[in-house]
């Protein structure tokens, strides 16, 4: 069910609820597949019996309908994929966070001055005091990493050392990794909490399309954060194969923060009509 926390100006909404809000914003009848979602919004008082959105929800509805910048975060972890991000409009900015296994996301209004902090929080960025390892750059292929993931999934043991030996053997059999790289890469996969892709998109200044910037980072727990330099984001569908180069670079937390900041467009990159 959708919900609203008036004290913090936050909402829990699912994709169907957003579909209802889109219909209402455009003045279209709510389609048959969204009737149940509309009824849920009415039941919690987010829209009234005449299908009018309450004032507290109007800013979010307008921002979702006419975004200036969209930020999407896809996090892959042990509980599957979750989606998070931000929606920036002319007059308001909202961040949203999902939850494993749930359709609804929480939308919270924020100031642009705190947006990078909010995005960093969404990906769980924090200083683990990790030091650069003997091999701070790993160069291999997507196929080798995938083989490592398969080996970990198939490992029928709770013995960490045994799992490490099996994983190292699989990675070594694929070839191409020096000893230091092989050791570090083995432990990176063993310690991997998850990886996240963050992408920012906006209409370009020339009005001829959409500009996109993105990064992918592996969160390897006590071994720190590793930026995936290759394949570089944004990745188009069908362009990444098992033979694609994989290049991971150890990246300290302050630099990850800078990379998130650099994803967001500057005023001069946006259409002139968006400048303040």
C-alpha atoms as a PDB file:
ATOM      1  CA  UNK A   1       0.000   0.000   0.000  1.00  0.00           C
ATOM      2  CA  UNK A   2       1.145   3.559  -0.665  1.00  0.00           C
ATOM      3  CA  UNK A   3       1.686   5.832   2.323  1.00  0.00           C
ATOM      4  CA  UNK A   4       2.608   9.386   3.278  1.00  0.00           C
ATOM      5  CA  UNK A   5       4.709  10.727   6.151  1.00  0.00           C
ATOM      6  CA  UNK A   6       3.682  14.371   6.496  1.00  0.00           C
ATOM      7  CA  UNK A   7       6.317  15.141   9.130  1.00  0.00           C
ATOM      8  CA  UNK A   8       9.141  14.348   6.704  1.00  0.00           C
ATOM      9  CA  UNK A   9       7.440  15.018   3.368  1.00  0.00           C
ATOM     10  CA  UNK A  10       8.049  11.497   2.111  1.00  0.00           C
ATOM     11  CA  UNK A  11       5.936   9.007   0.186  1.00  0.00           C
ATOM     12  CA  UNK A  12       5.965   5.267  -0.498  1.00  0.00           C
ATOM     13  CA  UNK A  13       4.809   4.610  -4.048  1.00  0.00           C
ATOM     14  CA  UNK A  14       4.999   1.726  -6.493  1.00  0.00           C
ATOM     15  CA  UNK A  15       5.174   1.790 -10.314  1.00  0.00           C
ATOM     16  CA  UNK A  16       1.383   1.481 -10.649  1.00  0.00           C
ATOM     17  CA  UNK A  17       0.840   4.427  -8.312  1.00  0.00           C
ATOM     18  CA  UNK A  18       3.218   6.509 -10.441  1.00  0.00           C
ATOM     19  CA  UNK A  19       1.203   5.460 -13.482  1.00  0.00           C
ATOM     20  CA  UNK A  20      -1.951   6.798 -11.861  1.00  0.00           C
ATOM     21  CA  UNK A  21      -0.271  10.105 -11.041  1.00  0.00           C
ATOM     22  CA  UNK A  22       0.908  10.367 -14.645  1.00  0.00           C
ATOM     23  CA  UNK A  23      -2.635   9.917 -15.928  1.00  0.00           C
ATOM     24  CA  UNK A  24      -4.000  12.543 -13.554  1.00  0.00           C
ATOM     25  CA  UNK A  25      -1.238  15.024 -14.364  1.00  0.00           C
ATOM     26  CA  UNK A  26      -1.976  14.726 -18.072  1.00  0.00           C
ATOM     27  CA  UNK A  27      -5.727  14.907 -17.569  1.00  0.00           C
ATOM     28  CA  UNK A  28      -6.320  11.418 -18.927  1.00  0.00           C
ATOM     29  CA  UNK A  29      -8.714   8.835 -17.480  1.00  0.00           C
ATOM     30  CA  UNK A  30      -7.043   6.251 -15.273  1.00  0.00           C
ATOM     31  CA  UNK A  31      -6.652   3.098 -17.354  1.00  0.00           C
ATOM     32  CA  UNK A  32      -8.307  -0.167 -16.322  1.00  0.00           C
ATOM     33  CA  UNK A  33      -5.017  -1.778 -15.264  1.00  0.00           C
ATOM     34  CA  UNK A  34      -4.393   1.076 -12.799  1.00  0.00           C
ATOM     35  CA  UNK A  35      -7.828   1.183 -11.110  1.00  0.00           C
ATOM     36  CA  UNK A  36      -6.657  -0.843  -8.114  1.00  0.00           C
ATOM     37  CA  UNK A  37      -3.654   1.458  -7.649  1.00  0.00           C
ATOM     38  CA  UNK A  38      -5.956   4.492  -7.862  1.00  0.00           C
ATOM     39  CA  UNK A  39      -8.206   2.990  -5.197  1.00  0.00           C
ATOM     40  CA  UNK A  40      -5.183   2.457  -2.949  1.00  0.00           C
ATOM     41  CA  UNK A  41      -4.161   6.107  -3.363  1.00  0.00           C
ATOM     42  CA  UNK A  42      -7.674   7.188  -2.482  1.00  0.00           C
ATOM     43  CA  UNK A  43      -7.802   4.852   0.527  1.00  0.00           C
ATOM     44  CA  UNK A  44      -4.755   6.515   2.117  1.00  0.00           C
ATOM     45  CA  UNK A  45      -5.896  10.038   1.204  1.00  0.00           C
ATOM     46  CA  UNK A  46      -3.271  10.863  -1.425  1.00  0.00           C
ATOM     47  CA  UNK A  47      -5.973  11.604  -3.989  1.00  0.00           C
ATOM     48  CA  UNK A  48      -9.576  12.526  -3.276  1.00  0.00           C
ATOM     49  CA  UNK A  49     -12.791  11.101  -4.666  1.00  0.00           C
ATOM     50  CA  UNK A  50     -12.579  13.413  -7.673  1.00  0.00           C
ATOM     51  CA  UNK A  51      -9.113  12.063  -8.514  1.00  0.00           C
ATOM     52  CA  UNK A  52      -7.426  15.298  -7.471  1.00  0.00           C
ATOM     53  CA  UNK A  53      -3.927  14.981  -6.002  1.00  0.00           C
ATOM     54  CA  UNK A  54      -3.499  16.422  -2.500  1.00  0.00           C
ATOM     55  CA  UNK A  55      -1.282  19.555  -2.385  1.00  0.00           C
ATOM     56  CA  UNK A  56       1.521  17.727  -0.531  1.00  0.00           C
ATOM     57  CA  UNK A  57       1.888  15.326  -3.458  1.00  0.00           C
ATOM     58  CA  UNK A  58       1.575  17.922  -6.218  1.00  0.00           C
ATOM     59  CA  UNK A  59       5.288  18.875  -6.297  1.00  0.00           C
ATOM     60  CA  UNK A  60       6.396  15.259  -6.606  1.00  0.00           C
ATOM     61  CA  UNK A  61       3.832  14.609  -9.336  1.00  0.00           C
ATOM     62  CA  UNK A  62       4.997  17.637 -11.318  1.00  0.00           C
ATOM     63  CA  UNK A  63       8.674  16.742 -10.904  1.00  0.00           C
ATOM     64  CA  UNK A  64       8.087  13.174 -12.081  1.00  0.00           C
ATOM     65  CA  UNK A  65       6.064  14.410 -15.063  1.00  0.00           C
ATOM     66  CA  UNK A  66       8.593  17.032 -16.192  1.00  0.00           C
ATOM     67  CA  UNK A  67      12.059  16.067 -14.950  1.00  0.00           C
ATOM     68  CA  UNK A  68      15.133  18.106 -15.815  1.00  0.00           C
ATOM     69  CA  UNK A  69      17.663  15.496 -14.651  1.00  0.00           C
ATOM     70  CA  UNK A  70      17.148  11.811 -13.865  1.00  0.00           C
ATOM     71  CA  UNK A  71      19.602   9.776 -11.809  1.00  0.00           C
ATOM     72  CA  UNK A  72      19.166   6.006 -11.763  1.00  0.00           C
ATOM     73  CA  UNK A  73      21.017   3.606  -9.477  1.00  0.00           C
ATOM     74  CA  UNK A  74      20.920  -0.149  -9.968  1.00  0.00           C
ATOM     75  CA  UNK A  75      22.428  -2.124  -7.103  1.00  0.00           C
ATOM     76  CA  UNK A  76      23.078  -5.845  -7.487  1.00  0.00           C
ATOM     77  CA  UNK A  77      23.676  -7.744  -4.262  1.00  0.00           C
ATOM     78  CA  UNK A  78      22.961 -10.966  -2.474  1.00  0.00           C
ATOM     79  CA  UNK A  79      19.223 -10.210  -2.343  1.00  0.00           C
ATOM     80  CA  UNK A  80      18.935  -9.387  -6.034  1.00  0.00           C
ATOM     81  CA  UNK A  81      18.591  -6.048  -7.785  1.00  0.00           C
ATOM     82  CA  UNK A  82      17.238  -2.893  -6.185  1.00  0.00           C
ATOM     83  CA  UNK A  83      16.607   0.453  -7.848  1.00  0.00           C
ATOM     84  CA  UNK A  84      17.188   3.901  -6.414  1.00  0.00           C
ATOM     85  CA  UNK A  85      17.886   7.379  -7.726  1.00  0.00           C
ATOM     86  CA  UNK A  86      16.818  10.996  -7.937  1.00  0.00           C
ATOM     87  CA  UNK A  87      14.418  13.120  -9.949  1.00  0.00           C
ATOM     88  CA  UNK A  88      15.296  16.799 -10.360  1.00  0.00           C
ATOM     89  CA  UNK A  89      12.700  19.226 -11.628  1.00  0.00           C
ATOM     90  CA  UNK A  90      12.556  22.976 -12.111  1.00  0.00           C
ATOM     91  CA  UNK A  91      11.156  23.582  -8.644  1.00  0.00           C
ATOM     92  CA  UNK A  92      11.880  20.472  -6.588  1.00  0.00           C
ATOM     93  CA  UNK A  93      14.284  17.563  -6.166  1.00  0.00           C
ATOM     94  CA  UNK A  94      13.391  14.114  -4.821  1.00  0.00           C
ATOM     95  CA  UNK A  95      15.508  11.081  -4.067  1.00  0.00           C
ATOM     96  CA  UNK A  96      14.030   7.603  -3.935  1.00  0.00           C
ATOM     97  CA  UNK A  97      15.178   4.302  -2.501  1.00  0.00           C
ATOM     98  CA  UNK A  98      13.861   0.805  -3.072  1.00  0.00           C
ATOM     99  CA  UNK A  99      13.905  -2.244  -0.827  1.00  0.00           C
ATOM    100  CA  UNK A 100      14.736  -5.863  -1.748  1.00  0.00           C
ATOM    101  CA  UNK A 101      11.621  -7.788  -2.695  1.00  0.00           C
ATOM    102  CA  UNK A 102       9.270  -4.791  -2.586  1.00  0.00           C
ATOM    103  CA  UNK A 103       7.705  -2.887  -5.478  1.00  0.00           C
ATOM    104  CA  UNK A 104       7.290   0.397  -3.628  1.00  0.00           C
ATOM    105  CA  UNK A 105      10.036   2.989  -3.242  1.00  0.00           C
ATOM    106  CA  UNK A 106      10.342   5.799  -0.729  1.00  0.00           C
ATOM    107  CA  UNK A 107      10.425   9.294  -2.247  1.00  0.00           C
ATOM    108  CA  UNK A 108      11.887  12.065  -0.088  1.00  0.00           C
ATOM    109  CA  UNK A 109      12.251  15.716  -1.003  1.00  0.00           C
ATOM    110  CA  UNK A 110      15.780  17.048  -0.693  1.00  0.00           C
ATOM    111  CA  UNK A 111      17.791  20.160  -1.483  1.00  0.00           C
ATOM    112  CA  UNK A 112      20.146  20.178  -4.460  1.00  0.00           C
ATOM    113  CA  UNK A 113      22.942  21.142  -2.070  1.00  0.00           C
ATOM    114  CA  UNK A 114      22.603  17.753  -0.356  1.00  0.00           C
ATOM    115  CA  UNK A 115      21.938  15.640  -3.447  1.00  0.00           C
ATOM    116  CA  UNK A 116      25.428  14.111  -3.675  1.00  0.00           C
ATOM    117  CA  UNK A 117      25.205  13.170  -0.003  1.00  0.00           C
ATOM    118  CA  UNK A 118      21.812  11.539  -0.632  1.00  0.00           C
ATOM    119  CA  UNK A 119      23.099   9.578  -3.638  1.00  0.00           C
ATOM    120  CA  UNK A 120      26.148   8.450  -1.673  1.00  0.00           C
ATOM    121  CA  UNK A 121      23.893   7.273   1.110  1.00  0.00           C
ATOM    122  CA  UNK A 122      21.754   5.341  -1.362  1.00  0.00           C
ATOM    123  CA  UNK A 123      24.773   3.274  -2.471  1.00  0.00           C
ATOM    124  CA  UNK A 124      26.060   2.845   1.083  1.00  0.00           C
ATOM    125  CA  UNK A 125      29.264   4.814   0.500  1.00  0.00           C
ATOM    126  CA  UNK A 126      31.368   4.940   3.655  1.00  0.00           C
ATOM    127  CA  UNK A 127      35.019   5.057   4.618  1.00  0.00           C
ATOM    128  CA  UNK A 128      36.312   1.576   5.431  1.00  0.00           C
ATOM    129  CA  UNK A 129      39.923   2.717   5.708  1.00  0.00           C
ATOM    130  CA  UNK A 130      40.917   0.282   2.943  1.00  0.00           C
ATOM    131  CA  UNK A 131      44.502   0.533   1.671  1.00  0.00           C
ATOM    132  CA  UNK A 132      45.626   0.016  -1.943  1.00  0.00           C
ATOM    133  CA  UNK A 133      46.540  -3.671  -2.424  1.00  0.00           C
ATOM    134  CA  UNK A 134      49.610  -5.083  -4.153  1.00  0.00           C
ATOM    135  CA  UNK A 135      47.708  -4.973  -7.447  1.00  0.00           C
ATOM    136  CA  UNK A 136      45.515  -1.822  -7.417  1.00  0.00           C
ATOM    137  CA  UNK A 137      44.498  -2.394 -11.046  1.00  0.00           C
ATOM    138  CA  UNK A 138      42.998  -5.643 -12.314  1.00  0.00           C
ATOM    139  CA  UNK A 139      42.804  -6.234 -16.051  1.00  0.00           C
ATOM    140  CA  UNK A 140      41.030  -9.320 -17.379  1.00  0.00           C
ATOM    141  CA  UNK A 141      37.773 -10.060 -19.236  1.00  0.00           C
ATOM    142  CA  UNK A 142      34.087 -10.146 -18.372  1.00  0.00           C
ATOM    143  CA  UNK A 143      34.132 -13.879 -19.087  1.00  0.00           C
ATOM    144  CA  UNK A 144      36.763 -14.531 -16.414  1.00  0.00           C
ATOM    145  CA  UNK A 145      34.752 -12.623 -13.810  1.00  0.00           C
ATOM    146  CA  UNK A 146      31.568 -14.472 -14.787  1.00  0.00           C
ATOM    147  CA  UNK A 147      33.403 -17.782 -14.420  1.00  0.00           C
ATOM    148  CA  UNK A 148      34.407 -16.707 -10.928  1.00  0.00           C
ATOM    149  CA  UNK A 149      30.808 -15.928 -10.012  1.00  0.00           C
ATOM    150  CA  UNK A 150      29.705 -19.342 -11.294  1.00  0.00           C
ATOM    151  CA  UNK A 151      32.409 -21.039  -9.231  1.00  0.00           C
ATOM    152  CA  UNK A 152      31.275 -19.212  -6.104  1.00  0.00           C
ATOM    153  CA  UNK A 153      27.629 -20.112  -6.736  1.00  0.00           C
ATOM    154  CA  UNK A 154      28.508 -23.763  -7.184  1.00  0.00           C
ATOM    155  CA  UNK A 155      30.872 -23.986  -4.206  1.00  0.00           C
ATOM    156  CA  UNK A 156      29.375 -26.396  -1.682  1.00  0.00           C
ATOM    157  CA  UNK A 157      31.437 -25.400   1.325  1.00  0.00           C
ATOM    158  CA  UNK A 158      31.390 -23.000   4.272  1.00  0.00           C
ATOM    159  CA  UNK A 159      35.168 -23.101   4.489  1.00  0.00           C
ATOM    160  CA  UNK A 160      36.399 -19.706   3.282  1.00  0.00           C
ATOM    161  CA  UNK A 161      39.919 -20.956   2.588  1.00  0.00           C
ATOM    162  CA  UNK A 162      38.638 -23.871   0.540  1.00  0.00           C
ATOM    163  CA  UNK A 163      36.300 -21.583  -1.409  1.00  0.00           C
ATOM    164  CA  UNK A 164      39.213 -19.222  -2.065  1.00  0.00           C
ATOM    165  CA  UNK A 165      41.389 -22.059  -3.356  1.00  0.00           C
ATOM    166  CA  UNK A 166      38.656 -23.289  -5.697  1.00  0.00           C
ATOM    167  CA  UNK A 167      37.936 -19.781  -6.939  1.00  0.00           C
ATOM    168  CA  UNK A 168      41.621 -19.069  -7.507  1.00  0.00           C
ATOM    169  CA  UNK A 169      41.962 -22.302  -9.471  1.00  0.00           C
ATOM    170  CA  UNK A 170      39.055 -21.387 -11.755  1.00  0.00           C
ATOM    171  CA  UNK A 171      40.402 -17.874 -12.357  1.00  0.00           C
ATOM    172  CA  UNK A 172      43.921 -19.210 -12.992  1.00  0.00           C
ATOM    173  CA  UNK A 173      42.590 -21.758 -15.499  1.00  0.00           C
ATOM    174  CA  UNK A 174      41.129 -18.905 -17.551  1.00  0.00           C
ATOM    175  CA  UNK A 175      44.632 -17.405 -17.807  1.00  0.00           C
ATOM    176  CA  UNK A 176      45.857 -13.863 -18.255  1.00  0.00           C
ATOM    177  CA  UNK A 177      46.279 -12.802 -14.627  1.00  0.00           C
ATOM    178  CA  UNK A 178      49.676 -12.329 -12.981  1.00  0.00           C
ATOM    179  CA  UNK A 179      50.150 -13.737  -9.480  1.00  0.00           C
ATOM    180  CA  UNK A 180      49.458 -10.475  -7.627  1.00  0.00           C
ATOM    181  CA  UNK A 181      46.422  -9.756  -9.795  1.00  0.00           C
ATOM    182  CA  UNK A 182      45.121 -13.292  -9.386  1.00  0.00           C
ATOM    183  CA  UNK A 183      45.380 -13.138  -5.596  1.00  0.00           C
ATOM    184  CA  UNK A 184      43.730  -9.719  -5.325  1.00  0.00           C
ATOM    185  CA  UNK A 185      40.980 -10.563  -7.819  1.00  0.00           C
ATOM    186  CA  UNK A 186      40.194 -13.797  -5.968  1.00  0.00           C
ATOM    187  CA  UNK A 187      39.698 -11.907  -2.711  1.00  0.00           C
ATOM    188  CA  UNK A 188      37.721  -9.125  -4.393  1.00  0.00           C
ATOM    189  CA  UNK A 189      35.129 -11.636  -5.575  1.00  0.00           C
ATOM    190  CA  UNK A 190      35.060 -13.341  -2.190  1.00  0.00           C
ATOM    191  CA  UNK A 191      34.506 -10.044  -0.357  1.00  0.00           C
ATOM    192  CA  UNK A 192      32.092  -8.512  -2.874  1.00  0.00           C
ATOM    193  CA  UNK A 193      29.063  -7.000  -1.122  1.00  0.00           C
ATOM    194  CA  UNK A 194      27.525  -5.858  -4.391  1.00  0.00           C
ATOM    195  CA  UNK A 195      28.039  -3.565  -7.319  1.00  0.00           C
ATOM    196  CA  UNK A 196      26.187  -0.435  -8.304  1.00  0.00           C
ATOM    197  CA  UNK A 197      25.644   1.430 -11.528  1.00  0.00           C
ATOM    198  CA  UNK A 198      24.769   5.111 -11.303  1.00  0.00           C
ATOM    199  CA  UNK A 199      23.591   6.919 -14.431  1.00  0.00           C
ATOM    200  CA  UNK A 200      22.554  10.545 -14.894  1.00  0.00           C
ATOM    201  CA  UNK A 201      20.575  11.695 -17.952  1.00  0.00           C
ATOM    202  CA  UNK A 202      19.252  15.047 -19.174  1.00  0.00           C
ATOM    203  CA  UNK A 203      18.209  16.778 -22.379  1.00  0.00           C
ATOM    204  CA  UNK A 204      21.308  18.345 -23.876  1.00  0.00           C
ATOM    205  CA  UNK A 205      21.804  22.035 -24.423  1.00  0.00           C
ATOM    206  CA  UNK A 206      21.462  21.785 -28.179  1.00  0.00           C
ATOM    207  CA  UNK A 207      18.053  20.162 -27.842  1.00  0.00           C
ATOM    208  CA  UNK A 208      19.121  17.300 -30.081  1.00  0.00           C
ATOM    209  CA  UNK A 209      18.970  14.391 -27.691  1.00  0.00           C
ATOM    210  CA  UNK A 210      19.910  13.133 -24.271  1.00  0.00           C
ATOM    211  CA  UNK A 211      23.294  13.353 -22.579  1.00  0.00           C
ATOM    212  CA  UNK A 212      24.202  10.440 -20.328  1.00  0.00           C
ATOM    213  CA  UNK A 213      27.032   9.843 -17.888  1.00  0.00           C
ATOM    214  CA  UNK A 214      27.520   6.812 -15.701  1.00  0.00           C
ATOM    215  CA  UNK A 215      29.847   4.843 -13.451  1.00  0.00           C
ATOM    216  CA  UNK A 216      29.940   1.314 -12.084  1.00  0.00           C
ATOM    217  CA  UNK A 217      31.569   0.590  -8.730  1.00  0.00           C
ATOM    218  CA  UNK A 218      32.205  -2.700  -6.934  1.00  0.00           C
ATOM    219  CA  UNK A 219      31.789  -2.564  -3.159  1.00  0.00           C
ATOM    220  CA  UNK A 220      34.267  -5.137  -1.881  1.00  0.00           C
ATOM    221  CA  UNK A 221      33.783  -4.594   1.838  1.00  0.00           C
ATOM    222  CA  UNK A 222      37.100  -4.409   3.716  1.00  0.00           C
ATOM    223  CA  UNK A 223      38.956  -4.318   0.384  1.00  0.00           C
ATOM    224  CA  UNK A 224      37.303  -1.020  -0.500  1.00  0.00           C
ATOM    225  CA  UNK A 225      35.723   0.327  -3.660  1.00  0.00           C
ATOM    226  CA  UNK A 226      36.771  -0.571  -7.184  1.00  0.00           C
ATOM    227  CA  UNK A 227      35.789   1.519 -10.182  1.00  0.00           C
ATOM    228  CA  UNK A 228      35.038  -0.432 -13.329  1.00  0.00           C
ATOM    229  CA  UNK A 229      36.878   1.630 -15.941  1.00  0.00           C
ATOM    230  CA  UNK A 230      36.237  -0.938 -18.677  1.00  0.00           C
ATOM    231  CA  UNK A 231      33.670  -1.556 -19.995  1.00  0.00           C
ATOM    232  CA  UNK A 232      32.962   2.125 -19.483  1.00  0.00           C
ATOM    233  CA  UNK A 233      29.488   3.424 -18.768  1.00  0.00           C
ATOM    234  CA  UNK A 234      27.061   3.993 -20.285  1.00  0.00           C
ATOM    235  CA  UNK A 235      26.893   0.529 -21.834  1.00  0.00           C
ATOM    236  CA  UNK A 236      24.524   0.007 -24.732  1.00  0.00           C
ATOM    237  CA  UNK A 237      22.524  -3.252 -24.849  1.00  0.00           C
ATOM    238  CA  UNK A 238      24.397  -6.043 -26.605  1.00  0.00           C
ATOM    239  CA  UNK A 239      27.803  -4.346 -26.534  1.00  0.00           C
ATOM    240  CA  UNK A 240      29.268  -6.280 -23.592  1.00  0.00           C
ATOM    241  CA  UNK A 241      30.425  -9.839 -24.313  1.00  0.00           C
ATOM    242  CA  UNK A 242      32.510 -12.429 -22.403  1.00  0.00           C
ATOM    243  CA  UNK A 243      35.554 -11.221 -24.358  1.00  0.00           C
ATOM    244  CA  UNK A 244      35.051  -7.572 -23.358  1.00  0.00           C
ATOM    245  CA  UNK A 245      37.929  -6.099 -21.379  1.00  0.00           C
ATOM    246  CA  UNK A 246      37.358  -5.780 -17.649  1.00  0.00           C
ATOM    247  CA  UNK A 247      39.477  -3.175 -15.887  1.00  0.00           C
ATOM    248  CA  UNK A 248      38.951  -2.584 -12.166  1.00  0.00           C
ATOM    249  CA  UNK A 249      40.776   0.211 -10.345  1.00  0.00           C
ATOM    250  CA  UNK A 250      41.025   0.594  -6.574  1.00  0.00           C
ATOM    251  CA  UNK A 251      39.404   3.934  -5.766  1.00  0.00           C
ATOM    252  CA  UNK A 252      39.483   5.732  -2.439  1.00  0.00           C
ATOM    253  CA  UNK A 253      36.245   7.060  -0.973  1.00  0.00           C
ATOM    254  CA  UNK A 254      36.937  10.788  -1.623  1.00  0.00           C
ATOM    255  CA  UNK A 255      37.434  10.013  -5.309  1.00  0.00           C
ATOM    256  CA  UNK A 256      34.201   7.983  -5.453  1.00  0.00           C
ATOM    257  CA  UNK A 257      32.418  11.010  -3.987  1.00  0.00           C
ATOM    258  CA  UNK A 258      33.976  13.178  -6.727  1.00  0.00           C
ATOM    259  CA  UNK A 259      32.879  10.730  -9.418  1.00  0.00           C
ATOM    260  CA  UNK A 260      29.288  10.924  -8.180  1.00  0.00           C
ATOM    261  CA  UNK A 261      29.510  14.711  -8.194  1.00  0.00           C
ATOM    262  CA  UNK A 262      30.912  14.723 -11.733  1.00  0.00           C
ATOM    263  CA  UNK A 263      27.957  12.683 -13.005  1.00  0.00           C
ATOM    264  CA  UNK A 264      25.580  15.573 -12.420  1.00  0.00           C
ATOM    265  CA  UNK A 265      25.363  18.192 -15.170  1.00  0.00           C
ATOM    266  CA  UNK A 266      26.535  21.758 -14.707  1.00  0.00           C
ATOM    267  CA  UNK A 267      24.125  24.590 -15.469  1.00  0.00           C
ATOM    268  CA  UNK A 268      25.805  25.285 -18.812  1.00  0.00           C
ATOM    269  CA  UNK A 269      25.159  21.692 -19.940  1.00  0.00           C
ATOM    270  CA  UNK A 270      21.397  21.982 -19.510  1.00  0.00           C
ATOM    271  CA  UNK A 271      19.006  23.639 -21.984  1.00  0.00           C
ATOM    272  CA  UNK A 272      19.184  27.414 -21.701  1.00  0.00           C
ATOM    273  CA  UNK A 273      15.593  27.534 -20.452  1.00  0.00           C
ATOM    274  CA  UNK A 274      16.651  25.530 -17.369  1.00  0.00           C
ATOM    275  CA  UNK A 275      19.345  27.942 -16.208  1.00  0.00           C
ATOM    276  CA  UNK A 276      18.681  29.906 -13.060  1.00  0.00           C
END
